PDB file of N, CA and C in Angstrom:
ATOM      1  N   UNK A   1      24.500 -38.837 -90.485  1.00  0.00           N
ATOM      2  CA  UNK A   1      25.444 -38.585 -89.421  1.00  0.00           C
ATOM      3  C   UNK A   1      26.746 -38.052 -90.008  1.00  0.00           C
ATOM      4  N   UNK A   2      27.377 -37.139 -89.312  1.00  0.00           N
ATOM      5  CA  UNK A   2      28.597 -36.508 -89.833  1.00  0.00           C
ATOM      6  C   UNK A   2      29.734 -37.508 -89.781  1.00  0.00           C
ATOM      7  N   UNK A   3      30.632 -37.317 -90.725  1.00  0.00           N
ATOM      8  CA  UNK A   3      31.808 -38.213 -90.770  1.00  0.00           C
ATOM      9  C   UNK A   3      32.810 -37.746 -89.721  1.00  0.00           C
ATOM     10  N   UNK A   4      33.283 -38.697 -88.949  1.00  0.00           N
ATOM     11  CA  UNK A   4      34.273 -38.455 -87.886  1.00  0.00           C
ATOM     12  C   UNK A   4      35.649 -38.497 -88.512  1.00  0.00           C
ATOM     13  N   UNK A   5      36.318 -37.335 -88.433  1.00  0.00           N
ATOM     14  CA  UNK A   5      37.669 -37.248 -88.978  1.00  0.00           C
ATOM     15  C   UNK A   5      38.620 -36.859 -87.880  1.00  0.00           C
ATOM     16  N   UNK A   6      39.880 -36.981 -88.147  1.00  0.00           N
ATOM     17  CA  UNK A   6      40.918 -36.529 -87.191  1.00  0.00           C
ATOM     18  C   UNK A   6      40.814 -35.018 -86.929  1.00  0.00           C
ATOM     19  N   UNK A   7      40.466 -34.248 -87.948  1.00  0.00           N
ATOM     20  CA  UNK A   7      40.337 -32.796 -87.747  1.00  0.00           C
ATOM     21  C   UNK A   7      39.187 -32.471 -86.786  1.00  0.00           C
ATOM     22  N   UNK A   8      38.087 -33.186 -86.922  1.00  0.00           N
ATOM     23  CA  UNK A   8      36.917 -32.947 -86.067  1.00  0.00           C
ATOM     24  C   UNK A   8      37.286 -33.310 -84.623  1.00  0.00           C
ATOM     25  N   UNK A   9      37.919 -34.442 -84.435  1.00  0.00           N
ATOM     26  CA  UNK A   9      38.347 -34.867 -83.082  1.00  0.00           C
ATOM     27  C   UNK A   9      39.341 -33.880 -82.476  1.00  0.00           C
ATOM     28  N   UNK A  10      40.223 -33.385 -83.315  1.00  0.00           N
ATOM     29  CA  UNK A  10      41.242 -32.403 -82.857  1.00  0.00           C
ATOM     30  C   UNK A  10      40.508 -31.109 -82.391  1.00  0.00           C
ATOM     31  N   UNK A  11      39.545 -30.636 -83.132  1.00  0.00           N
ATOM     32  CA  UNK A  11      38.816 -29.404 -82.759  1.00  0.00           C
ATOM     33  C   UNK A  11      38.056 -29.600 -81.446  1.00  0.00           C
ATOM     34  N   UNK A  12      37.415 -30.780 -81.309  1.00  0.00           N
ATOM     35  CA  UNK A  12      36.658 -31.056 -80.066  1.00  0.00           C
ATOM     36  C   UNK A  12      37.616 -31.146 -78.877  1.00  0.00           C
ATOM     37  N   UNK A  13      38.751 -31.763 -79.069  1.00  0.00           N
ATOM     38  CA  UNK A  13      39.745 -31.881 -77.974  1.00  0.00           C
ATOM     39  C   UNK A  13      40.285 -30.504 -77.597  1.00  0.00           C
ATOM     40  N   UNK A  14      40.504 -29.621 -78.578  1.00  0.00           N
ATOM     41  CA  UNK A  14      40.943 -28.253 -78.302  1.00  0.00           C
ATOM     42  C   UNK A  14      39.903 -27.511 -77.459  1.00  0.00           C
ATOM     43  N   UNK A  15      38.631 -27.706 -77.856  1.00  0.00           N
ATOM     44  CA  UNK A  15      37.560 -27.050 -77.096  1.00  0.00           C
ATOM     45  C   UNK A  15      37.516 -27.562 -75.665  1.00  0.00           C
ATOM     46  N   UNK A  16      37.635 -28.857 -75.507  1.00  0.00           N
ATOM     47  CA  UNK A  16      37.620 -29.462 -74.155  1.00  0.00           C
ATOM     48  C   UNK A  16      38.824 -28.939 -73.331  1.00  0.00           C
ATOM     49  N   UNK A  17      39.976 -28.820 -73.961  1.00  0.00           N
ATOM     50  CA  UNK A  17      41.174 -28.354 -73.265  1.00  0.00           C
ATOM     51  C   UNK A  17      40.984 -26.904 -72.805  1.00  0.00           C
ATOM     52  N   UNK A  18      40.366 -26.075 -73.638  1.00  0.00           N
ATOM     53  CA  UNK A  18      40.088 -24.703 -73.278  1.00  0.00           C
ATOM     54  C   UNK A  18      39.148 -24.623 -72.069  1.00  0.00           C
ATOM     55  N   UNK A  19      38.152 -25.461 -72.066  1.00  0.00           N
ATOM     56  CA  UNK A  19      37.204 -25.497 -70.913  1.00  0.00           C
ATOM     57  C   UNK A  19      37.912 -25.964 -69.638  1.00  0.00           C
ATOM     58  N   UNK A  20      38.767 -26.958 -69.763  1.00  0.00           N
ATOM     59  CA  UNK A  20      39.495 -27.467 -68.576  1.00  0.00           C
ATOM     60  C   UNK A  20      40.442 -26.366 -68.042  1.00  0.00           C
ATOM     61  N   UNK A  21      41.063 -25.611 -68.920  1.00  0.00           N
ATOM     62  CA  UNK A  21      41.933 -24.518 -68.467  1.00  0.00           C
ATOM     63  C   UNK A  21      41.147 -23.478 -67.701  1.00  0.00           C
ATOM     64  N   UNK A  22      39.938 -23.137 -68.226  1.00  0.00           N
ATOM     65  CA  UNK A  22      39.093 -22.168 -67.506  1.00  0.00           C
ATOM     66  C   UNK A  22      38.687 -22.727 -66.144  1.00  0.00           C
ATOM     67  N   UNK A  23      38.339 -23.982 -66.072  1.00  0.00           N
ATOM     68  CA  UNK A  23      37.985 -24.589 -64.804  1.00  0.00           C
ATOM     69  C   UNK A  23      39.152 -24.594 -63.812  1.00  0.00           C
ATOM     70  N   UNK A  24      40.348 -24.895 -64.276  1.00  0.00           N
ATOM     71  CA  UNK A  24      41.504 -24.876 -63.398  1.00  0.00           C
ATOM     72  C   UNK A  24      41.754 -23.462 -62.870  1.00  0.00           C
ATOM     73  N   UNK A  25      41.601 -22.474 -63.727  1.00  0.00           N
ATOM     74  CA  UNK A  25      41.743 -21.089 -63.303  1.00  0.00           C
ATOM     75  C   UNK A  25      40.685 -20.733 -62.236  1.00  0.00           C
ATOM     76  N   UNK A  26      39.456 -21.126 -62.480  1.00  0.00           N
ATOM     77  CA  UNK A  26      38.383 -20.861 -61.484  1.00  0.00           C
ATOM     78  C   UNK A  26      38.627 -21.544 -60.168  1.00  0.00           C
ATOM     79  N   UNK A  27      39.110 -22.779 -60.224  1.00  0.00           N
ATOM     80  CA  UNK A  27      39.389 -23.551 -59.005  1.00  0.00           C
ATOM     81  C   UNK A  27      40.560 -22.870 -58.241  1.00  0.00           C
ATOM     82  N   UNK A  28      41.537 -22.346 -58.990  1.00  0.00           N
ATOM     83  CA  UNK A  28      42.616 -21.618 -58.318  1.00  0.00           C
ATOM     84  C   UNK A  28      42.134 -20.379 -57.588  1.00  0.00           C
ATOM     85  N   UNK A  29      41.215 -19.634 -58.204  1.00  0.00           N
ATOM     86  CA  UNK A  29      40.646 -18.479 -57.566  1.00  0.00           C
ATOM     87  C   UNK A  29      39.857 -18.886 -56.310  1.00  0.00           C
ATOM     88  N   UNK A  30      39.109 -19.972 -56.404  1.00  0.00           N
ATOM     89  CA  UNK A  30      38.332 -20.450 -55.260  1.00  0.00           C
ATOM     90  C   UNK A  30      39.275 -20.829 -54.104  1.00  0.00           C
ATOM     91  N   UNK A  31      40.398 -21.480 -54.417  1.00  0.00           N
ATOM     92  CA  UNK A  31      41.365 -21.867 -53.433  1.00  0.00           C
ATOM     93  C   UNK A  31      41.923 -20.609 -52.698  1.00  0.00           C
ATOM     94  N   UNK A  32      42.215 -19.577 -53.478  1.00  0.00           N
ATOM     95  CA  UNK A  32      42.714 -18.346 -52.845  1.00  0.00           C
ATOM     96  C   UNK A  32      41.667 -17.724 -51.920  1.00  0.00           C
ATOM     97  N   UNK A  33      40.392 -17.749 -52.358  1.00  0.00           N
ATOM     98  CA  UNK A  33      39.348 -17.235 -51.484  1.00  0.00           C
ATOM     99  C   UNK A  33      39.172 -18.036 -50.205  1.00  0.00           C
ATOM    100  N   UNK A  34      39.287 -19.380 -50.337  1.00  0.00           N
ATOM    101  CA  UNK A  34      39.174 -20.227 -49.143  1.00  0.00           C
ATOM    102  C   UNK A  34      40.307 -19.950 -48.183  1.00  0.00           C
ATOM    103  N   UNK A  35      41.517 -19.751 -48.689  1.00  0.00           N
ATOM    104  CA  UNK A  35      42.657 -19.418 -47.859  1.00  0.00           C
ATOM    105  C   UNK A  35      42.424 -18.066 -47.158  1.00  0.00           C
ATOM    106  N   UNK A  36      41.874 -17.124 -47.874  1.00  0.00           N
ATOM    107  CA  UNK A  36      41.607 -15.810 -47.306  1.00  0.00           C
ATOM    108  C   UNK A  36      40.564 -15.914 -46.187  1.00  0.00           C
ATOM    109  N   UNK A  37      39.542 -16.694 -46.427  1.00  0.00           N
ATOM    110  CA  UNK A  37      38.473 -16.913 -45.423  1.00  0.00           C
ATOM    111  C   UNK A  37      39.082 -17.598 -44.197  1.00  0.00           C
ATOM    112  N   UNK A  38      39.945 -18.572 -44.426  1.00  0.00           N
ATOM    113  CA  UNK A  38      40.590 -19.318 -43.335  1.00  0.00           C
ATOM    114  C   UNK A  38      41.429 -18.373 -42.473  1.00  0.00           C
ATOM    115  N   UNK A  39      42.210 -17.487 -43.149  1.00  0.00           N
ATOM    116  CA  UNK A  39      43.040 -16.551 -42.402  1.00  0.00           C
ATOM    117  C   UNK A  39      42.185 -15.564 -41.607  1.00  0.00           C
ATOM    118  N   UNK A  40      41.091 -15.117 -42.196  1.00  0.00           N
ATOM    119  CA  UNK A  40      40.185 -14.212 -41.490  1.00  0.00           C
ATOM    120  C   UNK A  40      39.614 -14.921 -40.257  1.00  0.00           C
ATOM    121  N   UNK A  41      39.226 -16.166 -40.422  1.00  0.00           N
ATOM    122  CA  UNK A  41      38.656 -16.926 -39.297  1.00  0.00           C
ATOM    123  C   UNK A  41      39.685 -17.080 -38.178  1.00  0.00           C
ATOM    124  N   UNK A  42      40.930 -17.342 -38.538  1.00  0.00           N
ATOM    125  CA  UNK A  42      41.994 -17.457 -37.540  1.00  0.00           C
ATOM    126  C   UNK A  42      42.178 -16.142 -36.785  1.00  0.00           C
ATOM    127  N   UNK A  43      42.133 -15.035 -37.534  1.00  0.00           N
ATOM    128  CA  UNK A  43      42.213 -13.711 -36.895  1.00  0.00           C
ATOM    129  C   UNK A  43      41.102 -13.488 -35.911  1.00  0.00           C
ATOM    130  N   UNK A  44      39.881 -13.854 -36.314  1.00  0.00           N
ATOM    131  CA  UNK A  44      38.715 -13.681 -35.429  1.00  0.00           C
ATOM    132  C   UNK A  44      38.898 -14.549 -34.184  1.00  0.00           C
ATOM    133  N   UNK A  45      39.340 -15.811 -34.367  1.00  0.00           N
ATOM    134  CA  UNK A  45      39.556 -16.658 -33.215  1.00  0.00           C
ATOM    135  C   UNK A  45      40.628 -16.079 -32.263  1.00  0.00           C
ATOM    136  N   UNK A  46      41.649 -15.507 -32.804  1.00  0.00           N
ATOM    137  CA  UNK A  46      42.689 -14.856 -31.944  1.00  0.00           C
ATOM    138  C   UNK A  46      42.097 -13.663 -31.228  1.00  0.00           C
ATOM    139  N   UNK A  47      41.249 -12.884 -31.893  1.00  0.00           N
ATOM    140  CA  UNK A  47      40.623 -11.741 -31.251  1.00  0.00           C
ATOM    141  C   UNK A  47      39.738 -12.194 -30.091  1.00  0.00           C
ATOM    142  N   UNK A  48      38.938 -13.240 -30.318  1.00  0.00           N
ATOM    143  CA  UNK A  48      38.067 -13.769 -29.288  1.00  0.00           C
ATOM    144  C   UNK A  48      38.864 -14.272 -28.107  1.00  0.00           C
ATOM    145  N   UNK A  49      39.952 -14.980 -28.416  1.00  0.00           N
ATOM    146  CA  UNK A  49      40.840 -15.489 -27.350  1.00  0.00           C
ATOM    147  C   UNK A  49      41.388 -14.350 -26.523  1.00  0.00           C
ATOM    148  N   UNK A  50      41.831 -13.280 -27.195  1.00  0.00           N
ATOM    149  CA  UNK A  50      42.335 -12.098 -26.469  1.00  0.00           C
ATOM    150  C   UNK A  50      41.269 -11.462 -25.592  1.00  0.00           C
ATOM    151  N   UNK A  51      40.011 -11.386 -26.120  1.00  0.00           N
ATOM    152  CA  UNK A  51      38.934 -10.827 -25.323  1.00  0.00           C
ATOM    153  C   UNK A  51      38.660 -11.675 -24.056  1.00  0.00           C
ATOM    154  N   UNK A  52      38.716 -12.986 -24.215  1.00  0.00           N
ATOM    155  CA  UNK A  52      38.543 -13.827 -23.027  1.00  0.00           C
ATOM    156  C   UNK A  52      39.637 -13.562 -22.004  1.00  0.00           C
ATOM    157  N   UNK A  53      40.873 -13.362 -22.490  1.00  0.00           N
ATOM    158  CA  UNK A  53      41.954 -13.063 -21.587  1.00  0.00           C
ATOM    159  C   UNK A  53      41.738 -11.751 -20.831  1.00  0.00           C
ATOM    160  N   UNK A  54      41.289 -10.737 -21.555  1.00  0.00           N
ATOM    161  CA  UNK A  54      41.033  -9.437 -20.958  1.00  0.00           C
ATOM    162  C   UNK A  54      39.907  -9.560 -19.978  1.00  0.00           C
ATOM    163  N   UNK A  55      38.831 -10.265 -20.296  1.00  0.00           N
ATOM    164  CA  UNK A  55      37.700 -10.442 -19.370  1.00  0.00           C
ATOM    165  C   UNK A  55      38.173 -11.190 -18.109  1.00  0.00           C
ATOM    166  N   UNK A  56      39.035 -12.173 -18.274  1.00  0.00           N
ATOM    167  CA  UNK A  56      39.531 -12.923 -17.110  1.00  0.00           C
ATOM    168  C   UNK A  56      40.328 -11.995 -16.179  1.00  0.00           C
ATOM    169  N   UNK A  57      41.170 -11.122 -16.803  1.00  0.00           N
ATOM    170  CA  UNK A  57      41.925 -10.176 -15.963  1.00  0.00           C
ATOM    171  C   UNK A  57      40.994  -9.194 -15.233  1.00  0.00           C
ATOM    172  N   UNK A  58      39.976  -8.699 -15.957  1.00  0.00           N
ATOM    173  CA  UNK A  58      39.014  -7.799 -15.299  1.00  0.00           C
ATOM    174  C   UNK A  58      38.254  -8.510 -14.185  1.00  0.00           C
ATOM    175  N   UNK A  59      37.928  -9.770 -14.416  1.00  0.00           N
ATOM    176  CA  UNK A  59      37.227 -10.544 -13.378  1.00  0.00           C
ATOM    177  C   UNK A  59      38.124 -10.684 -12.164  1.00  0.00           C
ATOM    178  N   UNK A  60      39.433 -10.966 -12.375  1.00  0.00           N
ATOM    179  CA  UNK A  60      40.338 -11.116 -11.272  1.00  0.00           C
ATOM    180  C   UNK A  60      40.450  -9.774 -10.482  1.00  0.00           C
ATOM    181  N   UNK A  61      40.560  -8.683 -11.208  1.00  0.00           N
ATOM    182  CA  UNK A  61      40.669  -7.352 -10.556  1.00  0.00           C
ATOM    183  C   UNK A  61      39.419  -7.068  -9.779  1.00  0.00           C
ATOM    184  N   UNK A  62      38.227  -7.347 -10.367  1.00  0.00           N
ATOM    185  CA  UNK A  62      36.973  -7.112  -9.703  1.00  0.00           C
ATOM    186  C   UNK A  62      36.865  -7.924  -8.399  1.00  0.00           C
ATOM    187  N   UNK A  63      37.324  -9.195  -8.459  1.00  0.00           N
ATOM    188  CA  UNK A  63      37.255 -10.016  -7.275  1.00  0.00           C
ATOM    189  C   UNK A  63      38.179  -9.472  -6.190  1.00  0.00           C
ATOM    190  N   UNK A  64      39.367  -8.999  -6.582  1.00  0.00           N
ATOM    191  CA  UNK A  64      40.249  -8.397  -5.590  1.00  0.00           C
ATOM    192  C   UNK A  64      39.654  -7.131  -4.957  1.00  0.00           C
ATOM    193  N   UNK A  65      39.014  -6.342  -5.780  1.00  0.00           N
ATOM    194  CA  UNK A  65      38.354  -5.116  -5.273  1.00  0.00           C
ATOM    195  C   UNK A  65      37.234  -5.506  -4.334  1.00  0.00           C
ATOM    196  N   UNK A  66      36.418  -6.496  -4.711  1.00  0.00           N
ATOM    197  CA  UNK A  66      35.320  -6.923  -3.803  1.00  0.00           C
ATOM    198  C   UNK A  66      35.873  -7.448  -2.486  1.00  0.00           C
ATOM    199  N   UNK A  67      36.989  -8.178  -2.555  1.00  0.00           N
ATOM    200  CA  UNK A  67      37.551  -8.716  -1.309  1.00  0.00           C
ATOM    201  C   UNK A  67      38.034  -7.581  -0.443  1.00  0.00           C
ATOM    202  N   UNK A  68      38.681  -6.558  -1.047  1.00  0.00           N
ATOM    203  CA  UNK A  68      39.146  -5.408  -0.242  1.00  0.00           C
ATOM    204  C   UNK A  68      37.965  -4.673   0.386  1.00  0.00           C
ATOM    205  N   UNK A  69      36.901  -4.479  -0.368  1.00  0.00           N
ATOM    206  CA  UNK A  69      35.736  -3.749   0.148  1.00  0.00           C
ATOM    207  C   UNK A  69      35.110  -4.528   1.317  1.00  0.00           C
ATOM    208  N   UNK A  70      35.048  -5.845   1.195  1.00  0.00           N
ATOM    209  CA  UNK A  70      34.481  -6.631   2.314  1.00  0.00           C
ATOM    210  C   UNK A  70      35.357  -6.514   3.535  1.00  0.00           C
ATOM    211  N   UNK A  71      36.681  -6.519   3.395  1.00  0.00           N
ATOM    212  CA  UNK A  71      37.556  -6.367   4.522  1.00  0.00           C
ATOM    213  C   UNK A  71      37.370  -5.004   5.167  1.00  0.00           C
ATOM    214  N   UNK A  72      37.285  -3.974   4.323  1.00  0.00           N
ATOM    215  CA  UNK A  72      37.167  -2.644   4.848  1.00  0.00           C
ATOM    216  C   UNK A  72      35.819  -2.470   5.563  1.00  0.00           C
ATOM    217  N   UNK A  73      34.750  -3.088   5.037  1.00  0.00           N
ATOM    218  CA  UNK A  73      33.448  -2.957   5.672  1.00  0.00           C
ATOM    219  C   UNK A  73      33.455  -3.614   7.031  1.00  0.00           C
ATOM    220  N   UNK A  74      34.183  -4.720   7.155  1.00  0.00           N
ATOM    221  CA  UNK A  74      34.247  -5.378   8.476  1.00  0.00           C
ATOM    222  C   UNK A  74      35.067  -4.579   9.454  1.00  0.00           C
ATOM    223  N   UNK A  75      36.066  -3.844   9.012  1.00  0.00           N
ATOM    224  CA  UNK A  75      36.905  -3.055   9.890  1.00  0.00           C
ATOM    225  C   UNK A  75      36.206  -1.766  10.331  1.00  0.00           C
ATOM    226  N   UNK A  76      35.321  -1.237   9.530  1.00  0.00           N
ATOM    227  CA  UNK A  76      34.633   0.011   9.854  1.00  0.00           C
ATOM    228  C   UNK A  76      33.456  -0.300  10.741  1.00  0.00           C
ATOM    229  N   UNK A  77      32.978   0.760  11.408  1.00  0.00           N
ATOM    230  CA  UNK A  77      31.787   0.611  12.234  1.00  0.00           C
ATOM    231  C   UNK A  77      30.607   0.336  11.294  1.00  0.00           C
ATOM    232  N   UNK A  78      29.743  -0.560  11.710  1.00  0.00           N
ATOM    233  CA  UNK A  78      28.636  -0.949  10.851  1.00  0.00           C
ATOM    234  C   UNK A  78      27.459   0.044  11.093  1.00  0.00           C
ATOM    235  N   UNK A  79      27.196   0.760   9.989  1.00  0.00           N
ATOM    236  CA  UNK A  79      26.017   1.613  10.056  1.00  0.00           C
ATOM    237  C   UNK A  79      25.350   1.578   8.655  1.00  0.00           C
ATOM    238  N   UNK A  80      24.102   1.813   8.557  1.00  0.00           N
ATOM    239  CA  UNK A  80      23.397   1.685   7.302  1.00  0.00           C
ATOM    240  C   UNK A  80      23.858   2.777   6.320  1.00  0.00           C
ATOM    241  N   UNK A  81      23.725   2.442   5.073  1.00  0.00           N
ATOM    242  CA  UNK A  81      24.134   3.381   4.016  1.00  0.00           C
ATOM    243  C   UNK A  81      23.093   4.453   3.922  1.00  0.00           C
ATOM    244  N   UNK A  82      23.532   5.715   3.902  1.00  0.00           N
ATOM    245  CA  UNK A  82      22.641   6.848   3.773  1.00  0.00           C
ATOM    246  C   UNK A  82      23.112   7.736   2.636  1.00  0.00           C
ATOM    247  N   UNK A  83      22.435   7.717   1.469  1.00  0.00           N
ATOM    248  CA  UNK A  83      22.928   8.452   0.337  1.00  0.00           C
ATOM    249  C   UNK A  83      22.797   9.962   0.435  1.00  0.00           C
ATOM    250  N   UNK A  84      22.102  10.488   1.443  1.00  0.00           N
ATOM    251  CA  UNK A  84      21.906  11.947   1.552  1.00  0.00           C
ATOM    252  C   UNK A  84      23.041  12.639   2.201  1.00  0.00           C
TER     253      UNK A  84
END
């Protein structure tokens, strides 16, 4: 078995410290990617929310148009639709 000396322990600790530094750097990159994904997700959620708002406005407009058409149909003489 090899003799354990202070120099050997020092070299092993330097090696471990280098590995820990690399891991910290990797973890920092992963954190930045997670933040980027989170921001993208929030943007997509905002876009979906805006789409629901637009659809609700279109639904309201369509409902008003349908109500006007029904009122106009009742006011006009009732005759069957003839596309020719």
